[in-house]
Amino acid sequence: MSVKRYGIYLAYAPTVDLRHEGLGRYLAAFLKGAAAREDVHFVIVCPSWSRNSLERLFEAEHVPLRCVDIVAPDMVPAALNLYQGWLDYRKRKRKSSRLGDLANRLRNFKTRVVENTLRGIATAESVGALILRMLPIFLLILAFLALMPLWLALGIFVGAGFLGRRVFWRIVKRLGKLHQRLQALIAKPKDDGVALRMYRVMEHHEGQRMLALINNLQDIRAWYCPTAFWPAFNGIKVPRLMCVPDVVLADFPVGFAGVGGDRFLETFQFVESAIRGGQHFVTYSNSVKWDTLVDRYAVSPGCVAVVHHAPNDLSHWVNIKGLPDHEAASRNYCQGLLINAIQRSFNQGYAKGFQNGELKFFFYASQLRPNKNVLTLLRAYEYLLRKRFVGHKLIMTGNPYGWAPVQKFIEEHHLENDVLFLHGLKVQELAACYKLADLAVNPSLSEGGCPFTFTEALSVDTPVVMARIPVTEEVLTDPELQDMTFFDPYDWLSLADRIEWALAHRDDLLSIQRRTYAELLRRTWADVVDEHLVVLERIAQLPEQSAGSVA
């Protein structure tokens, strides 16, 4: 049997952990859907720094490696290795308390020595015993005399510093500013202009190395890129298919400008450049095809295919089988996962020593970005907590320090112990959060396709309330389900009312949603792969530089 080979182009930034990225999980589901195809093989070309991240993703998601090869430039840039080494050191330093323990031990030792010496002197019954018990003091005096040259040098230094204090303090001030700049550079290199320019040079160089590898892969029939962030993809000369999940930077320019400023503007320019230089496109929804690519960017409708998601089933990660009460066993397992996740959360004041596996909470799995509508959710939650006395916690998976408005809202409304952020969840922990939640919530204003929230929650028997947006209405078409599930995403009170109603009618909501979920389960990730392969094979057979139909 002949095997057709197709390429996948990835160019994620060095610090991206694909296990925590929606596109990473999408890639894993896609490749698992392709695993049963013996006539197809995928080759991923990625930057040198992404190989390990991909391998960790595939291990975590149980992606069979027989259906994919990873090709990357050999050497990771030295500057990046140094930076990664520093980050690893900082992580170890935060996790380890050895220095603090050592300081405490030294202080305790000093206290014991002083107390024991004084007690011994006071209770000595002979001259010999008195001399012996004063020995620690004699040793301390000898140590002081031995270090006398050091004290003299220190005195001279202090005196010189006093005489030249104006110069000294000017130097200290400059060093302080330099230290702050270095701290900001290390903590958030994306926000530093110099670091960003250096990375762009590194990225361009790495892109050229990747293109050299791609040009040597002569047996690849067509290339696929899962996002529109990388205009360098258009440098590939063989047929190529670019996925455009969405262009939220254009839909929410003010929100993204407030978060990342020039960095997001540059990213938006990259996306537009990639789209304008693209050949053929695929999207997750008709909404993105027509409203974004056709209407906004004047792409020919015939050059855009639509391939909807398949359900994302999380149940196998947390379902325990082979025991008399498998449901109780699964719940106990999930409670253990939840407790571990909360204990390492950002909310250390609340999480330290946390052991409540019966915690009641709502769950929203998402990064914190302007289009995710997190502030509307927080306003609705604060109203439910303080005005309607709904005693649930709100658990989210984003990094609260990545978006200042979220952090500010939580601090101003004193929600530090009520809104918990579990960033960097493993897939098993994600599944456990969905399973234990009383309700999953998705208030997003814009998505590329119907959010995974619906199928992920329903796969572990948790009902959902969601924003009424075009991509959800495109997939969840049952009128009764829409009335019970959707809310107005621009009205926090509508969201609060929907959450309160869903809690009071949880079983009814779950029953209606299970019916739609059962229908969605007919579609598999193998179907998603097959539909992509139809498009890839079609463009592979088009004449060179053709803009023919792919729909």
Protein backbone atom coordinates (compact mmCIF):
# COMPACT_ATOMS: atom_id res chain seq x y z
CA MET A 1 0.00 0.00 0.00
CA SER A 2 1.39 3.41 -0.98
CA VAL A 3 1.59 5.98 1.81
CA LYS A 4 0.90 9.64 1.11
CA ARG A 5 2.88 12.09 3.22
CA TYR A 6 1.60 15.52 4.26
CA GLY A 7 3.41 18.22 6.19
CA ILE A 8 2.34 20.24 9.24
CA TYR A 9 4.08 23.57 9.85
CA LEU A 10 4.46 24.88 13.41
CA ALA A 11 6.37 27.96 14.60
CA TYR A 12 5.36 28.53 18.22
CA ALA A 13 7.44 30.82 20.43
CA PRO A 14 10.08 29.25 22.71
CA THR A 15 8.17 29.56 26.00
CA VAL A 16 4.88 28.05 24.74
CA ASP A 17 3.88 24.81 26.47
CA LEU A 18 1.64 23.11 23.93
CA ARG A 19 -0.01 21.00 26.62
CA HIS A 20 -1.74 24.14 27.86
CA GLU A 21 -2.66 25.59 24.48
CA GLY A 22 -6.01 25.01 22.77
CA LEU A 23 -4.26 24.58 19.41
CA GLY A 24 -1.90 22.07 21.00
CA ARG A 25 -4.78 19.93 22.20
CA TYR A 26 -6.46 20.33 18.81
CA LEU A 27 -3.30 19.06 17.10
CA ALA A 28 -3.18 16.08 19.44
CA ALA A 29 -6.82 15.18 18.74
CA PHE A 30 -6.20 15.58 15.01
CA LEU A 31 -3.21 13.23 15.00
CA LYS A 32 -5.03 10.64 17.14
CA GLY A 33 -7.82 10.77 14.57
CA ALA A 34 -5.26 10.03 11.86
CA ALA A 35 -3.71 7.09 13.70
CA ALA A 36 -6.02 4.52 12.10
CA ARG A 37 -5.08 5.61 8.56
CA GLU A 38 -2.35 3.33 7.24
CA ASP A 39 -2.21 5.15 3.92
CA VAL A 40 -1.30 8.55 5.40
CA HIS A 41 1.71 9.84 7.32
CA PHE A 42 2.28 13.33 8.71
CA VAL A 43 5.60 15.14 9.07
CA ILE A 44 5.75 18.06 11.51
CA VAL A 45 8.42 20.68 10.90
CA CYS A 46 8.92 22.96 13.90
CA PRO A 47 11.59 25.21 15.46
CA SER A 48 14.45 23.57 17.33
CA TRP A 49 13.01 24.79 20.63
CA SER A 50 9.58 23.18 20.05
CA ARG A 51 10.64 19.56 19.67
CA ASN A 52 10.60 18.81 23.42
CA SER A 53 7.29 20.63 23.86
CA LEU A 54 5.73 18.52 21.11
CA GLU A 55 7.06 15.31 22.62
CA ARG A 56 5.63 16.25 26.02
CA LEU A 57 2.29 17.07 24.40
CA PHE A 58 2.15 13.73 22.59
CA GLU A 59 3.08 11.87 25.76
CA ALA A 60 0.45 13.67 27.83
CA GLU A 61 -2.30 13.20 25.23
CA HIS A 62 -1.29 9.62 24.31
CA VAL A 63 -0.69 10.44 20.65
CA PRO A 64 0.63 7.36 18.80
CA LEU A 65 3.98 8.27 17.26
CA ARG A 66 3.68 5.83 14.37
CA CYS A 67 1.60 8.31 12.37
CA VAL A 68 3.89 11.34 12.72
CA ASP A 69 7.54 12.38 12.43
CA ILE A 70 9.03 15.50 13.99
CA VAL A 71 11.67 17.35 11.99
CA ALA A 72 13.45 20.38 13.45
CA PRO A 73 16.76 22.23 13.09
CA ASP A 74 19.49 20.59 15.18
CA MET A 75 20.78 23.26 17.55
CA VAL A 76 18.71 25.48 19.85
CA PRO A 77 20.09 29.08 19.86
CA ALA A 78 22.60 29.56 22.69
CA ALA A 79 20.89 32.70 24.03
CA LEU A 80 17.64 30.78 24.35
CA ASN A 81 19.37 27.95 26.20
CA LEU A 82 20.80 30.44 28.68
CA TYR A 83 17.40 32.06 29.20
CA GLN A 84 15.70 28.68 29.66
CA GLY A 85 18.40 27.66 32.13
CA TRP A 86 17.72 30.81 34.13
CA LEU A 87 13.97 30.10 34.17
CA ASP A 88 14.61 26.54 35.34
CA TYR A 89 16.87 27.86 38.09
CA ARG A 90 14.20 30.33 39.23
CA LYS A 91 11.60 27.55 39.33
CA ARG A 92 13.87 25.37 41.43
CA LYS A 93 14.62 28.31 43.70
CA ARG A 94 10.91 29.00 44.24
CA LYS A 95 10.16 25.36 44.89
CA SER A 96 13.09 24.88 47.26
CA SER A 97 13.26 26.42 50.71
CA ARG A 98 16.77 25.19 51.52
CA LEU A 99 18.23 28.67 52.00
CA GLY A 100 15.38 29.70 54.27
CA ASP A 101 15.72 26.47 56.25
CA LEU A 102 19.46 27.00 56.59
CA ALA A 103 18.97 30.55 57.90
CA ASN A 104 16.41 29.30 60.42
CA ARG A 105 18.75 26.53 61.55
CA LEU A 106 21.61 29.02 62.02
CA ARG A 107 19.42 31.37 64.06
CA ASN A 108 18.20 28.48 66.21
CA PHE A 109 21.76 27.24 66.67
CA LYS A 110 22.94 30.71 67.78
CA THR A 111 20.07 30.96 70.26
CA ARG A 112 20.80 27.53 71.71
CA VAL A 113 24.53 28.30 72.04
CA VAL A 114 23.92 31.60 73.84
CA GLU A 115 21.28 30.18 76.16
CA ASN A 116 23.32 27.08 77.00
CA THR A 117 26.45 29.16 77.65
CA LEU A 118 24.68 31.57 79.99
CA ARG A 119 22.96 28.69 81.76
CA GLY A 120 26.28 26.90 82.13
CA ILE A 121 28.07 29.95 83.55
CA ALA A 122 25.27 30.56 86.02
CA THR A 123 25.24 26.97 87.29
CA ALA A 124 29.00 26.19 87.32
CA GLU A 125 30.07 24.65 90.64
CA SER A 126 33.86 24.86 90.16
CA VAL A 127 36.46 27.07 88.48
CA GLY A 128 37.29 24.34 85.96
CA ALA A 129 33.65 23.93 85.00
CA LEU A 130 33.28 27.73 84.73
CA ILE A 131 36.26 27.98 82.33
CA LEU A 132 34.94 25.09 80.25
CA ARG A 133 31.49 26.58 79.99
CA MET A 134 32.91 30.02 79.02
CA LEU A 135 34.83 28.39 76.15
CA PRO A 136 32.24 29.37 73.45
CA ILE A 137 32.66 33.03 74.43
CA PHE A 138 36.47 32.77 74.20
CA LEU A 139 36.15 31.19 70.75
CA LEU A 140 33.83 33.99 69.63
CA ILE A 141 36.36 36.63 70.77
CA LEU A 142 39.19 34.84 68.93
CA ALA A 143 37.07 34.70 65.76
CA PHE A 144 36.41 38.44 66.03
CA LEU A 145 40.14 39.19 66.41
CA ALA A 146 40.99 36.93 63.45
CA LEU A 147 38.55 38.88 61.30
CA MET A 148 39.86 42.28 62.47
CA PRO A 149 41.52 43.07 59.06
CA LEU A 150 38.16 42.54 57.41
CA TRP A 151 36.49 44.94 59.84
CA LEU A 152 39.20 47.56 59.18
CA ALA A 153 38.72 47.20 55.41
CA LEU A 154 34.99 47.49 55.84
CA GLY A 155 35.46 50.66 57.92
CA ILE A 156 37.68 52.21 55.24
CA PHE A 157 35.08 51.34 52.59
CA VAL A 158 32.28 52.87 54.62
CA GLY A 159 34.35 55.99 55.25
CA ALA A 160 35.12 56.39 51.56
CA GLY A 161 31.50 55.85 50.81
CA PHE A 162 30.53 58.54 53.32
CA LEU A 163 32.94 61.03 51.77
CA GLY A 164 31.70 60.28 48.28
CA ARG A 165 28.08 59.58 49.19
CA ARG A 166 26.64 61.73 46.39
CA VAL A 167 28.54 59.75 43.79
CA PHE A 168 27.82 56.53 45.65
CA TRP A 169 24.05 57.07 45.78
CA ARG A 170 23.98 58.11 42.14
CA ILE A 171 25.61 54.80 41.21
CA VAL A 172 23.21 52.89 43.46
CA LYS A 173 20.23 54.60 41.80
CA ARG A 174 21.48 53.72 38.33
CA LEU A 175 22.16 50.14 39.36
CA GLY A 176 18.66 49.96 40.82
CA LYS A 177 17.12 51.05 37.54
CA LEU A 178 19.26 48.55 35.66
CA HIS A 179 18.18 45.82 38.07
CA GLN A 180 14.51 46.67 37.56
CA ARG A 181 14.97 46.62 33.78
CA LEU A 182 16.67 43.22 33.93
CA GLN A 183 13.93 41.85 36.21
CA ALA A 184 11.24 43.06 33.79
CA LEU A 185 13.17 41.63 30.85
CA ILE A 186 13.46 38.21 32.47
CA ALA A 187 9.89 38.13 33.81
CA LYS A 188 8.17 39.40 30.65
CA PRO A 189 10.56 39.38 27.68
CA LYS A 190 7.62 39.76 25.27
CA ASP A 191 6.99 43.25 26.66
CA ASP A 192 10.58 44.43 26.28
CA GLY A 193 11.34 46.12 22.96
CA VAL A 194 14.97 45.01 22.77
CA ALA A 195 14.16 41.40 23.68
CA LEU A 196 11.30 41.33 21.18
CA ARG A 197 13.52 42.62 18.39
CA MET A 198 16.15 40.00 19.25
CA TYR A 199 13.50 37.29 19.21
CA ARG A 200 12.22 38.43 15.81
CA VAL A 201 15.74 38.09 14.42
CA MET A 202 16.02 34.64 16.01
CA GLU A 203 12.57 33.69 14.68
CA HIS A 204 13.46 34.78 11.14
CA HIS A 205 16.72 32.83 11.24
CA GLU A 206 14.92 29.74 12.58
CA GLY A 207 12.28 30.12 9.86
CA GLN A 208 14.98 30.04 7.20
CA ARG A 209 16.43 26.87 8.72
CA MET A 210 12.96 25.31 8.73
CA LEU A 211 12.37 26.23 5.08
CA ALA A 212 15.68 24.59 4.19
CA LEU A 213 14.48 21.38 5.84
CA ILE A 214 11.10 21.64 4.11
CA ASN A 215 12.72 22.07 0.70
CA ASN A 216 14.55 18.77 1.23
CA LEU A 217 11.29 16.91 1.93
CA GLN A 218 10.42 16.31 -1.70
CA ASP A 219 7.81 13.62 -1.02
CA ILE A 220 5.39 15.89 0.88
CA ARG A 221 2.28 16.35 -1.23
CA ALA A 222 0.92 19.45 0.57
CA TRP A 223 1.51 21.42 3.74
CA TYR A 224 -0.94 22.35 6.48
CA CYS A 225 -0.57 25.18 9.01
CA PRO A 226 -3.02 25.08 11.97
CA THR A 227 -3.06 28.85 12.54
CA ALA A 228 -2.50 32.14 10.71
CA PHE A 229 0.19 33.57 13.02
CA TRP A 230 3.14 32.66 10.80
CA PRO A 231 3.46 34.43 7.43
CA ALA A 232 6.73 32.52 6.83
CA PHE A 233 4.50 29.53 5.99
CA ASN A 234 3.77 31.23 2.69
CA GLY A 235 7.42 30.78 1.73
CA ILE A 236 6.75 27.10 1.05
CA LYS A 237 6.55 26.58 -2.71
CA VAL A 238 4.41 23.42 -2.82
CA PRO A 239 0.61 23.52 -2.24
CA ARG A 240 -0.28 24.71 1.22
CA LEU A 241 -3.43 24.95 3.32
CA MET A 242 -3.70 27.51 6.13
CA CYS A 243 -6.22 27.20 8.94
CA VAL A 244 -7.72 30.50 10.15
CA PRO A 245 -9.47 29.72 13.45
CA ASP A 246 -10.40 33.40 13.93
CA VAL A 247 -8.97 36.92 13.82
CA VAL A 248 -9.98 38.15 17.28
CA LEU A 249 -7.33 40.87 17.20
CA ALA A 250 -9.44 42.62 14.56
CA ASP A 251 -12.69 42.01 16.44
CA PHE A 252 -11.40 43.38 19.79
CA PRO A 253 -8.63 45.86 18.94
CA VAL A 254 -9.13 48.07 22.02
CA GLY A 255 -9.06 45.15 24.45
CA PHE A 256 -5.91 43.63 22.98
CA ALA A 257 -4.22 47.03 22.73
CA GLY A 258 -4.72 47.44 26.46
CA VAL A 259 -3.12 44.07 27.17
CA GLY A 260 -0.14 43.93 24.84
CA GLY A 261 0.12 47.26 23.01
CA ASP A 262 2.64 47.19 20.18
CA ARG A 263 3.23 43.46 20.56
CA PHE A 264 -0.36 42.59 19.69
CA LEU A 265 -0.37 45.13 16.88
CA GLU A 266 2.64 43.37 15.42
CA THR A 267 0.92 39.99 15.82
CA PHE A 268 -2.17 41.36 14.07
CA GLN A 269 0.01 42.54 11.20
CA PHE A 270 1.53 39.05 10.94
CA VAL A 271 -1.94 37.48 10.79
CA GLU A 272 -3.08 39.85 8.05
CA SER A 273 0.15 39.28 6.12
CA ALA A 274 -0.29 35.51 6.38
CA ILE A 275 -3.89 35.66 5.15
CA ARG A 276 -3.11 38.00 2.27
CA GLY A 277 -0.25 35.77 1.15
CA GLY A 278 -2.18 32.53 1.55
CA GLN A 279 -3.28 30.11 -1.16
CA HIS A 280 -6.02 27.97 0.33
CA PHE A 281 -7.77 28.15 3.69
CA VAL A 282 -9.78 26.05 6.11
CA THR A 283 -11.87 27.29 9.05
CA TYR A 284 -13.84 25.68 11.88
CA SER A 285 -17.10 27.48 11.05
CA ASN A 286 -19.09 29.12 8.28
CA SER A 287 -19.16 32.27 10.39
CA VAL A 288 -15.38 32.72 10.13
CA LYS A 289 -15.40 31.75 6.46
CA TRP A 290 -17.94 34.34 5.40
CA ASP A 291 -17.66 37.11 7.99
CA THR A 292 -13.88 37.09 8.29
CA LEU A 293 -12.17 35.65 5.23
CA VAL A 294 -14.68 36.46 2.48
CA ASP A 295 -16.16 39.75 3.70
CA ARG A 296 -13.18 41.27 5.53
CA TYR A 297 -10.21 39.94 3.54
CA ALA A 298 -11.89 39.40 0.15
CA VAL A 299 -10.80 35.77 -0.10
CA SER A 300 -12.60 33.84 -2.81
CA PRO A 301 -15.27 31.59 -1.22
CA GLY A 302 -14.05 28.72 -3.38
CA CYS A 303 -10.65 28.86 -1.67
CA VAL A 304 -12.08 28.35 1.82
CA ALA A 305 -13.17 24.98 3.19
CA VAL A 306 -15.10 24.55 6.44
CA VAL A 307 -14.32 21.59 8.71
CA HIS A 308 -16.18 21.55 12.02
CA HIS A 309 -14.68 20.15 15.22
CA ALA A 310 -15.47 16.70 16.53
CA PRO A 311 -16.51 16.25 20.18
CA ASN A 312 -13.69 16.29 22.70
CA ASP A 313 -14.39 13.40 25.09
CA LEU A 314 -12.59 13.65 28.44
CA SER A 315 -14.36 10.79 30.20
CA HIS A 316 -11.62 8.19 29.63
CA TRP A 317 -9.16 10.31 31.63
CA VAL A 318 -11.16 10.05 34.86
CA ASN A 319 -13.50 7.05 34.57
CA ILE A 320 -12.43 4.21 36.87
CA LYS A 321 -13.63 0.77 35.80
CA GLY A 322 -13.49 -2.70 37.32
CA LEU A 323 -14.72 -1.75 40.81
CA PRO A 324 -18.16 -2.42 42.35
CA ASP A 325 -19.00 1.30 42.52
CA HIS A 326 -17.05 2.75 39.62
CA GLU A 327 -18.82 6.13 39.85
CA ALA A 328 -17.76 6.61 43.49
CA ALA A 329 -14.22 5.51 42.60
CA SER A 330 -14.10 7.98 39.71
CA ARG A 331 -15.34 10.79 41.92
CA ASN A 332 -12.77 10.02 44.62
CA TYR A 333 -10.03 10.01 41.99
CA CYS A 334 -11.23 13.36 40.63
CA GLN A 335 -11.36 14.86 44.12
CA GLY A 336 -7.73 13.93 44.64
CA LEU A 337 -6.77 15.56 41.36
CA LEU A 338 -8.72 18.70 42.23
CA ILE A 339 -7.15 19.01 45.67
CA ASN A 340 -3.64 18.70 44.21
CA ALA A 341 -4.41 21.28 41.55
CA ILE A 342 -5.82 23.78 44.05
CA GLN A 343 -2.88 23.35 46.41
CA ARG A 344 -0.47 24.57 43.73
CA SER A 345 -2.78 27.33 42.44
CA PHE A 346 -2.10 31.07 42.41
CA ASN A 347 -4.37 31.49 45.45
CA GLN A 348 -1.78 30.37 48.00
CA GLY A 349 -3.50 32.09 50.93
CA TYR A 350 -6.59 29.95 50.37
CA ALA A 351 -4.97 26.88 48.83
CA LYS A 352 -2.37 26.12 51.49
CA GLY A 353 -3.48 22.97 53.23
CA PHE A 354 -6.69 22.75 51.14
CA GLN A 355 -8.41 19.36 51.56
CA ASN A 356 -12.09 19.92 50.68
CA GLY A 357 -12.90 17.48 47.90
CA GLU A 358 -16.61 18.33 48.18
CA LEU A 359 -16.08 21.93 47.06
CA LYS A 360 -18.97 23.36 45.05
CA PHE A 361 -17.89 25.47 42.07
CA PHE A 362 -18.48 26.73 38.54
CA PHE A 363 -15.78 26.06 35.96
CA TYR A 364 -14.48 28.04 32.99
CA ALA A 365 -11.52 26.57 31.11
CA SER A 366 -9.90 29.32 29.08
CA GLN A 367 -6.97 31.66 28.79
CA LEU A 368 -7.57 35.24 29.92
CA ARG A 369 -7.94 37.33 26.77
CA PRO A 370 -10.24 40.23 25.89
CA ASN A 371 -12.50 38.08 23.69
CA LYS A 372 -12.98 35.53 26.50
CA ASN A 373 -15.30 37.96 28.34
CA VAL A 374 -13.90 37.15 31.77
CA LEU A 375 -14.88 40.46 33.36
CA THR A 376 -18.54 39.86 32.50
CA LEU A 377 -18.29 36.46 34.19
CA LEU A 378 -16.67 38.01 37.26
CA ARG A 379 -19.40 40.65 37.55
CA ALA A 380 -22.09 37.98 37.29
CA TYR A 381 -20.31 35.79 39.83
CA GLU A 382 -19.81 38.63 42.33
CA TYR A 383 -23.53 39.43 42.08
CA LEU A 384 -24.50 35.78 42.65
CA LEU A 385 -22.12 35.47 45.58
CA ARG A 386 -22.93 38.71 47.39
CA LYS A 387 -26.54 39.48 46.36
CA ARG A 388 -28.04 36.06 45.64
CA PHE A 389 -25.97 34.17 48.26
CA VAL A 390 -24.89 31.42 45.88
CA GLY A 391 -22.04 29.83 47.84
CA HIS A 392 -20.06 28.36 44.96
CA LYS A 393 -16.46 29.10 44.07
CA LEU A 394 -15.48 30.09 40.54
CA ILE A 395 -12.54 28.12 39.12
CA MET A 396 -10.75 29.29 35.97
CA THR A 397 -7.62 28.04 34.21
CA GLY A 398 -6.04 31.31 33.09
CA ASN A 399 -3.09 33.18 34.57
CA PRO A 400 -4.53 36.14 36.56
CA TYR A 401 -1.24 38.03 36.35
CA GLY A 402 -1.39 37.99 32.57
CA TRP A 403 -4.22 40.53 32.40
CA ALA A 404 -4.31 43.43 34.85
CA PRO A 405 -8.10 44.20 34.67
CA VAL A 406 -8.92 40.73 36.00
CA GLN A 407 -6.47 40.99 38.85
CA LYS A 408 -7.73 44.50 39.68
CA PHE A 409 -11.39 43.41 39.73
CA ILE A 410 -10.65 40.52 42.06
CA GLU A 411 -8.68 42.70 44.47
CA GLU A 412 -11.22 45.53 44.50
CA HIS A 413 -14.10 43.13 45.19
CA HIS A 414 -12.15 40.97 47.66
CA LEU A 415 -12.62 37.76 45.68
CA GLU A 416 -9.13 36.33 46.30
CA ASN A 417 -10.55 33.33 48.20
CA ASP A 418 -13.59 32.86 45.95
CA VAL A 419 -12.13 32.94 42.41
CA LEU A 420 -9.44 30.28 42.03
CA PHE A 421 -7.00 30.15 39.12
CA LEU A 422 -5.63 26.69 38.26
CA HIS A 423 -3.17 27.48 35.48
CA GLY A 424 -1.27 24.74 33.67
CA LEU A 425 -3.64 21.85 34.38
CA LYS A 426 -2.81 18.38 33.15
CA VAL A 427 -5.50 16.86 30.96
CA GLN A 428 -6.55 14.52 33.80
CA GLU A 429 -6.96 17.50 36.12
CA LEU A 430 -8.93 19.37 33.48
CA ALA A 431 -11.29 16.42 33.15
CA ALA A 432 -11.62 16.21 36.95
CA CYS A 433 -12.57 19.89 37.19
CA TYR A 434 -15.26 19.43 34.56
CA LYS A 435 -16.62 16.32 36.27
CA LEU A 436 -16.78 17.82 39.77
CA ALA A 437 -18.19 21.21 38.72
CA ASP A 438 -21.88 21.82 39.30
CA LEU A 439 -21.89 23.85 36.10
CA ALA A 440 -19.48 24.71 33.26
CA VAL A 441 -19.64 28.26 31.91
CA ASN A 442 -18.41 29.80 28.66
CA PRO A 443 -19.09 33.55 28.23
CA SER A 444 -16.74 34.01 25.23
CA LEU A 445 -17.65 36.74 22.77
CA SER A 446 -15.85 35.19 19.82
CA GLU A 447 -14.47 31.77 18.92
CA GLY A 448 -13.30 30.10 15.73
CA GLY A 449 -15.66 27.18 16.18
CA CYS A 450 -18.20 25.91 18.68
CA PRO A 451 -16.23 25.97 21.97
CA PHE A 452 -15.00 22.65 23.29
CA THR A 453 -16.68 23.55 26.59
CA PHE A 454 -19.94 21.92 25.52
CA THR A 455 -18.61 18.48 24.59
CA GLU A 456 -15.89 18.39 27.26
CA ALA A 457 -18.39 19.09 30.02
CA LEU A 458 -21.11 16.79 28.69
CA SER A 459 -18.60 13.97 28.26
CA VAL A 460 -18.35 13.83 32.07
CA ASP A 461 -22.05 14.60 32.71
CA THR A 462 -21.76 18.26 33.64
CA PRO A 463 -24.27 20.74 32.14
CA VAL A 464 -23.17 23.99 30.46
CA VAL A 465 -24.35 27.54 29.97
CA MET A 466 -22.85 29.39 27.01
CA ALA A 467 -22.84 32.75 25.26
CA ARG A 468 -25.15 33.11 22.29
CA ILE A 469 -22.67 33.72 19.46
CA PRO A 470 -22.81 32.65 15.79
CA VAL A 471 -20.39 29.72 16.02
CA THR A 472 -22.36 28.08 18.84
CA GLU A 473 -25.70 28.61 17.10
CA GLU A 474 -24.20 27.03 13.99
CA VAL A 475 -23.60 23.71 15.80
CA LEU A 476 -26.11 23.71 18.67
CA THR A 477 -29.26 24.15 16.63
CA ASP A 478 -31.98 22.64 18.86
CA PRO A 479 -34.31 25.58 19.79
CA GLU A 480 -35.15 24.10 23.19
CA LEU A 481 -31.49 23.61 24.00
CA GLN A 482 -30.67 27.16 22.88
CA ASP A 483 -33.36 28.64 25.14
CA MET A 484 -32.06 26.71 28.16
CA THR A 485 -28.32 27.08 27.46
CA PHE A 486 -27.60 30.46 25.90
CA PHE A 487 -27.35 33.92 27.45
CA ASP A 488 -26.56 37.40 26.18
CA PRO A 489 -22.75 37.71 26.51
CA TYR A 490 -22.92 41.51 26.67
CA ASP A 491 -25.20 41.50 29.72
CA TRP A 492 -23.68 40.23 32.99
CA LEU A 493 -27.13 40.05 34.58
CA SER A 494 -28.32 37.73 31.78
CA LEU A 495 -25.36 35.49 32.56
CA ALA A 496 -26.07 35.57 36.30
CA ASP A 497 -29.75 34.71 35.72
CA ARG A 498 -28.81 31.81 33.42
CA ILE A 499 -26.36 30.39 35.98
CA GLU A 500 -28.91 30.64 38.81
CA TRP A 501 -31.61 29.04 36.65
CA ALA A 502 -29.24 26.23 35.60
CA LEU A 503 -28.43 25.42 39.24
CA ALA A 504 -32.12 25.19 40.08
CA HIS A 505 -32.90 23.06 36.99
CA ARG A 506 -29.65 21.16 36.60
CA ASP A 507 -31.17 17.75 35.83
CA ASP A 508 -33.56 19.16 33.20
CA LEU A 509 -30.74 21.07 31.52
CA LEU A 510 -28.46 18.03 31.55
CA SER A 511 -31.17 15.84 30.03
CA ILE A 512 -31.71 18.19 27.08
CA GLN A 513 -27.99 18.69 26.51
CA ARG A 514 -27.24 14.95 26.62
CA ARG A 515 -29.58 14.50 23.67
CA THR A 516 -27.60 16.94 21.53
CA TYR A 517 -24.30 15.55 22.78
CA ALA A 518 -25.33 12.07 21.65
CA GLU A 519 -25.95 13.44 18.15
CA LEU A 520 -22.60 15.23 18.09
CA LEU A 521 -20.81 12.01 19.07
CA ARG A 522 -21.59 10.60 15.63
CA ARG A 523 -18.82 12.80 14.34
CA THR A 524 -15.28 11.65 15.18
CA TRP A 525 -11.81 13.07 14.84
CA ALA A 526 -11.23 10.53 12.09
CA ASP A 527 -13.96 12.38 10.16
CA VAL A 528 -12.15 15.67 10.79
CA VAL A 529 -8.90 14.20 9.47
CA ASP A 530 -10.62 12.69 6.43
CA GLU A 531 -12.19 16.02 5.49
CA HIS A 532 -8.83 17.77 5.80
CA LEU A 533 -7.19 15.10 3.67
CA VAL A 534 -9.80 15.60 0.95
CA VAL A 535 -8.85 19.28 0.80
CA LEU A 536 -5.11 18.61 0.99
CA GLU A 537 -5.27 16.04 -1.78
CA ARG A 538 -7.37 18.30 -3.94
CA ILE A 539 -4.95 21.22 -3.70
CA ALA A 540 -2.01 18.83 -4.20
CA GLN A 541 -3.46 17.94 -7.61
CA LEU A 542 -4.08 21.53 -8.70
CA PRO A 543 -1.74 23.11 -11.27
CA GLU A 544 1.11 25.08 -9.71
CA GLN A 545 0.09 28.51 -8.36
CA SER A 546 -3.59 27.69 -9.02
CA ALA A 547 -6.26 29.38 -6.91
CA GLY A 548 -8.87 26.79 -7.70
CA SER A 549 -11.73 25.73 -5.50
CA VAL A 550 -11.06 23.76 -2.33
CA ALA A 551 -14.51 23.95 -0.78
